[in-house]
Each structure stands twice: as structure tokens, then as C-alpha cells.
Amino acid sequence: MTVVLDPTGERSPSARTLLPRPDALRGRTVGLLDISKTRGDVFLDRLAELLEADGVLVRRYRKPTFVKPAPVDLRHEIAEQCEVVIEALAD
């Protein structure tokens, strides 16, 4: 079992089952979520270039602020439009 810590202030770790990872990303839709921290967009810009060069359809998203979880409507939009999500933390 894998333990994932939630950075939003949980008091005790929650046990979560990880979803299986795809064998490859080529031909898939990958969402890049910028959490609005400084220079996260720089990292995601480069990552988008690399993914697109490898045949991945990239969709970009941005949280309004890094201090709160992504709004429900944004999470729903990402879940509906993407098969894989990469979230960027950077300062």
C-alpha cells in the first residue's frame, strides 16, 4: 500500500489507492495544472513542448491561488477532458 500525504493540512495520512499509470502518453490527453506558484508556468511551458513533440495532446489549467485546493468546477473540467494530469510546484 502507498501512503500519499495531502499538503492541504490533514492531521493523519489518508490511505489512497493509486490508479494504474498508462504504459505511454503518446496519443493521450495530458492536463498540466499550474498551481499559481512563482515560475511553475516556466516549468510547465517546457514540459508542454516536450510532451507535444512526443505526440501528446496537452491542455493547460491554472488554479486561482496556490493556498487553496483547486475549485470543484476546475477539477471536474480536468477530469472530463484529460486522461493524465501533471501538477507543477515551483518557486
C-alpha atoms as a PDB file:
ATOM      1  CA  MET A   1       0.000   0.000   0.000  1.00  0.00           C
ATOM      2  CA  THR A   2       1.199   3.516  -0.826  1.00  0.00           C
ATOM      3  CA  VAL A   3       0.616   6.384   1.596  1.00  0.00           C
ATOM      4  CA  VAL A   4       0.068   9.777  -0.026  1.00  0.00           C
ATOM      5  CA  LEU A   5       0.234  12.877   2.150  1.00  0.00           C
ATOM      6  CA  ASP A   6      -2.200  15.630   1.289  1.00  0.00           C
ATOM      7  CA  PRO A   7      -0.488  19.042   1.595  1.00  0.00           C
ATOM      8  CA  THR A   8      -3.761  20.792   2.494  1.00  0.00           C
ATOM      9  CA  GLY A   9      -3.325  20.282   6.227  1.00  0.00           C
ATOM     10  CA  GLU A  10      -4.510  16.776   7.038  1.00  0.00           C
ATOM     11  CA  ARG A  11      -3.834  15.663  10.631  1.00  0.00           C
ATOM     12  CA  SER A  12      -3.329  11.994   9.793  1.00  0.00           C
ATOM     13  CA  PRO A  13      -2.391  10.460   6.435  1.00  0.00           C
ATOM     14  CA  SER A  14      -5.190   9.026   4.324  1.00  0.00           C
ATOM     15  CA  ALA A  15      -4.749   5.681   2.612  1.00  0.00           C
ATOM     16  CA  ARG A  16      -5.486   6.052  -1.092  1.00  0.00           C
ATOM     17  CA  THR A  17      -5.255   3.553  -3.889  1.00  0.00           C
ATOM     18  CA  LEU A  18      -3.223   4.841  -6.806  1.00  0.00           C
ATOM     19  CA  LEU A  19      -4.715   4.445 -10.255  1.00  0.00           C
ATOM     20  CA  PRO A  20      -2.706   2.433 -12.764  1.00  0.00           C
ATOM     21  CA  ARG A  21      -0.365   4.543 -14.888  1.00  0.00           C
ATOM     22  CA  PRO A  22      -0.606   4.311 -18.677  1.00  0.00           C
ATOM     23  CA  ASP A  23       2.188   2.500 -20.489  1.00  0.00           C
ATOM     24  CA  ALA A  24       2.776   5.547 -22.709  1.00  0.00           C
ATOM     25  CA  LEU A  25       1.482   9.093 -23.117  1.00  0.00           C
ATOM     26  CA  ARG A  26       1.617   9.298 -26.932  1.00  0.00           C
ATOM     27  CA  GLY A  27      -1.888   9.848 -28.278  1.00  0.00           C
ATOM     28  CA  ARG A  28      -3.324  10.685 -24.861  1.00  0.00           C
ATOM     29  CA  THR A  29      -4.631  13.966 -23.460  1.00  0.00           C
ATOM     30  CA  VAL A  30      -2.492  15.271 -20.623  1.00  0.00           C
ATOM     31  CA  GLY A  31      -3.590  18.157 -18.421  1.00  0.00           C
ATOM     32  CA  LEU A  32      -0.917  20.431 -16.990  1.00  0.00           C
ATOM     33  CA  LEU A  33      -2.127  22.123 -13.829  1.00  0.00           C
ATOM     34  CA  ASP A  34      -0.301  25.274 -12.768  1.00  0.00           C
ATOM     35  CA  ILE A  35      -1.000  25.808  -9.066  1.00  0.00           C
ATOM     36  CA  SER A  36      -0.097  29.521  -9.371  1.00  0.00           C
ATOM     37  CA  LYS A  37       3.253  29.425  -7.603  1.00  0.00           C
ATOM     38  CA  THR A  38       6.085  31.523  -8.980  1.00  0.00           C
ATOM     39  CA  ARG A  39       7.756  30.055 -12.089  1.00  0.00           C
ATOM     40  CA  GLY A  40       5.513  26.984 -12.223  1.00  0.00           C
ATOM     41  CA  ASP A  41       4.426  28.186 -15.660  1.00  0.00           C
ATOM     42  CA  VAL A  42       8.068  28.166 -16.843  1.00  0.00           C
ATOM     43  CA  PHE A  43       8.395  24.512 -15.905  1.00  0.00           C
ATOM     44  CA  LEU A  44       5.057  23.633 -17.499  1.00  0.00           C
ATOM     45  CA  ASP A  45       5.872  25.546 -20.703  1.00  0.00           C
ATOM     46  CA  ARG A  46       8.953  23.376 -21.235  1.00  0.00           C
ATOM     47  CA  LEU A  47       7.124  20.211 -20.243  1.00  0.00           C
ATOM     48  CA  ALA A  48       4.346  21.032 -22.727  1.00  0.00           C
ATOM     49  CA  GLU A  49       6.931  21.421 -25.514  1.00  0.00           C
ATOM     50  CA  LEU A  50       8.461  18.035 -24.736  1.00  0.00           C
ATOM     51  CA  LEU A  51       5.113  16.264 -24.468  1.00  0.00           C
ATOM     52  CA  GLU A  52       3.739  17.792 -27.673  1.00  0.00           C
ATOM     53  CA  ALA A  53       6.910  16.789 -29.533  1.00  0.00           C
ATOM     54  CA  ASP A  54       6.182  13.221 -28.406  1.00  0.00           C
ATOM     55  CA  GLY A  55       2.629  13.222 -29.802  1.00  0.00           C
ATOM     56  CA  VAL A  56       0.730  14.147 -26.648  1.00  0.00           C
ATOM     57  CA  LEU A  57      -2.282  16.475 -26.705  1.00  0.00           C
ATOM     58  CA  VAL A  58      -1.666  18.989 -23.895  1.00  0.00           C
ATOM     59  CA  ARG A  59      -4.341  21.029 -22.140  1.00  0.00           C
ATOM     60  CA  ARG A  60      -3.343  23.777 -19.702  1.00  0.00           C
ATOM     61  CA  TYR A  61      -5.122  24.725 -16.497  1.00  0.00           C
ATOM     62  CA  ARG A  62      -4.356  27.156 -13.678  1.00  0.00           C
ATOM     63  CA  LYS A  63      -5.609  27.347 -10.110  1.00  0.00           C
ATOM     64  CA  PRO A  64      -6.676  30.824  -8.961  1.00  0.00           C
ATOM     65  CA  THR A  65      -4.322  30.580  -5.948  1.00  0.00           C
ATOM     66  CA  PHE A  66      -1.848  28.088  -4.557  1.00  0.00           C
ATOM     67  CA  VAL A  67      -3.124  28.450  -0.981  1.00  0.00           C
ATOM     68  CA  LYS A  68      -6.400  26.605  -1.589  1.00  0.00           C
ATOM     69  CA  PRO A  69      -7.375  23.376  -3.354  1.00  0.00           C
ATOM     70  CA  ALA A  70      -8.485  23.706  -6.976  1.00  0.00           C
ATOM     71  CA  PRO A  71     -12.151  24.712  -7.261  1.00  0.00           C
ATOM     72  CA  VAL A  72     -14.594  21.864  -7.839  1.00  0.00           C
ATOM     73  CA  ASP A  73     -15.550  23.117 -11.311  1.00  0.00           C
ATOM     74  CA  LEU A  74     -11.878  23.189 -12.371  1.00  0.00           C
ATOM     75  CA  ARG A  75     -11.282  19.668 -11.048  1.00  0.00           C
ATOM     76  CA  HIS A  76     -14.393  18.459 -12.883  1.00  0.00           C
ATOM     77  CA  GLU A  77     -13.261  20.114 -16.137  1.00  0.00           C
ATOM     78  CA  ILE A  78      -9.840  18.470 -15.886  1.00  0.00           C
ATOM     79  CA  ALA A  79     -11.351  15.061 -15.098  1.00  0.00           C
ATOM     80  CA  GLU A  80     -13.680  15.308 -18.099  1.00  0.00           C
ATOM     81  CA  GLN A  81     -11.038  16.470 -20.591  1.00  0.00           C
ATOM     82  CA  CYS A  82      -7.846  14.628 -19.576  1.00  0.00           C
ATOM     83  CA  GLU A  83      -6.586  11.096 -19.157  1.00  0.00           C
ATOM     84  CA  VAL A  84      -3.496  12.104 -17.184  1.00  0.00           C
ATOM     85  CA  VAL A  85      -2.715  15.192 -15.079  1.00  0.00           C
ATOM     86  CA  ILE A  86       0.642  16.675 -14.115  1.00  0.00           C
ATOM     87  CA  GLU A  87       0.660  19.295 -11.391  1.00  0.00           C
ATOM     88  CA  ALA A  88       3.554  21.764 -11.088  1.00  0.00           C
ATOM     89  CA  LEU A  89       5.074  23.107  -7.910  1.00  0.00           C
ATOM     90  CA  ALA A  90       7.873  25.603  -8.359  1.00  0.00           C
ATOM     91  CA  ASP A  91       9.286  28.728  -6.758  1.00  0.00           C
END
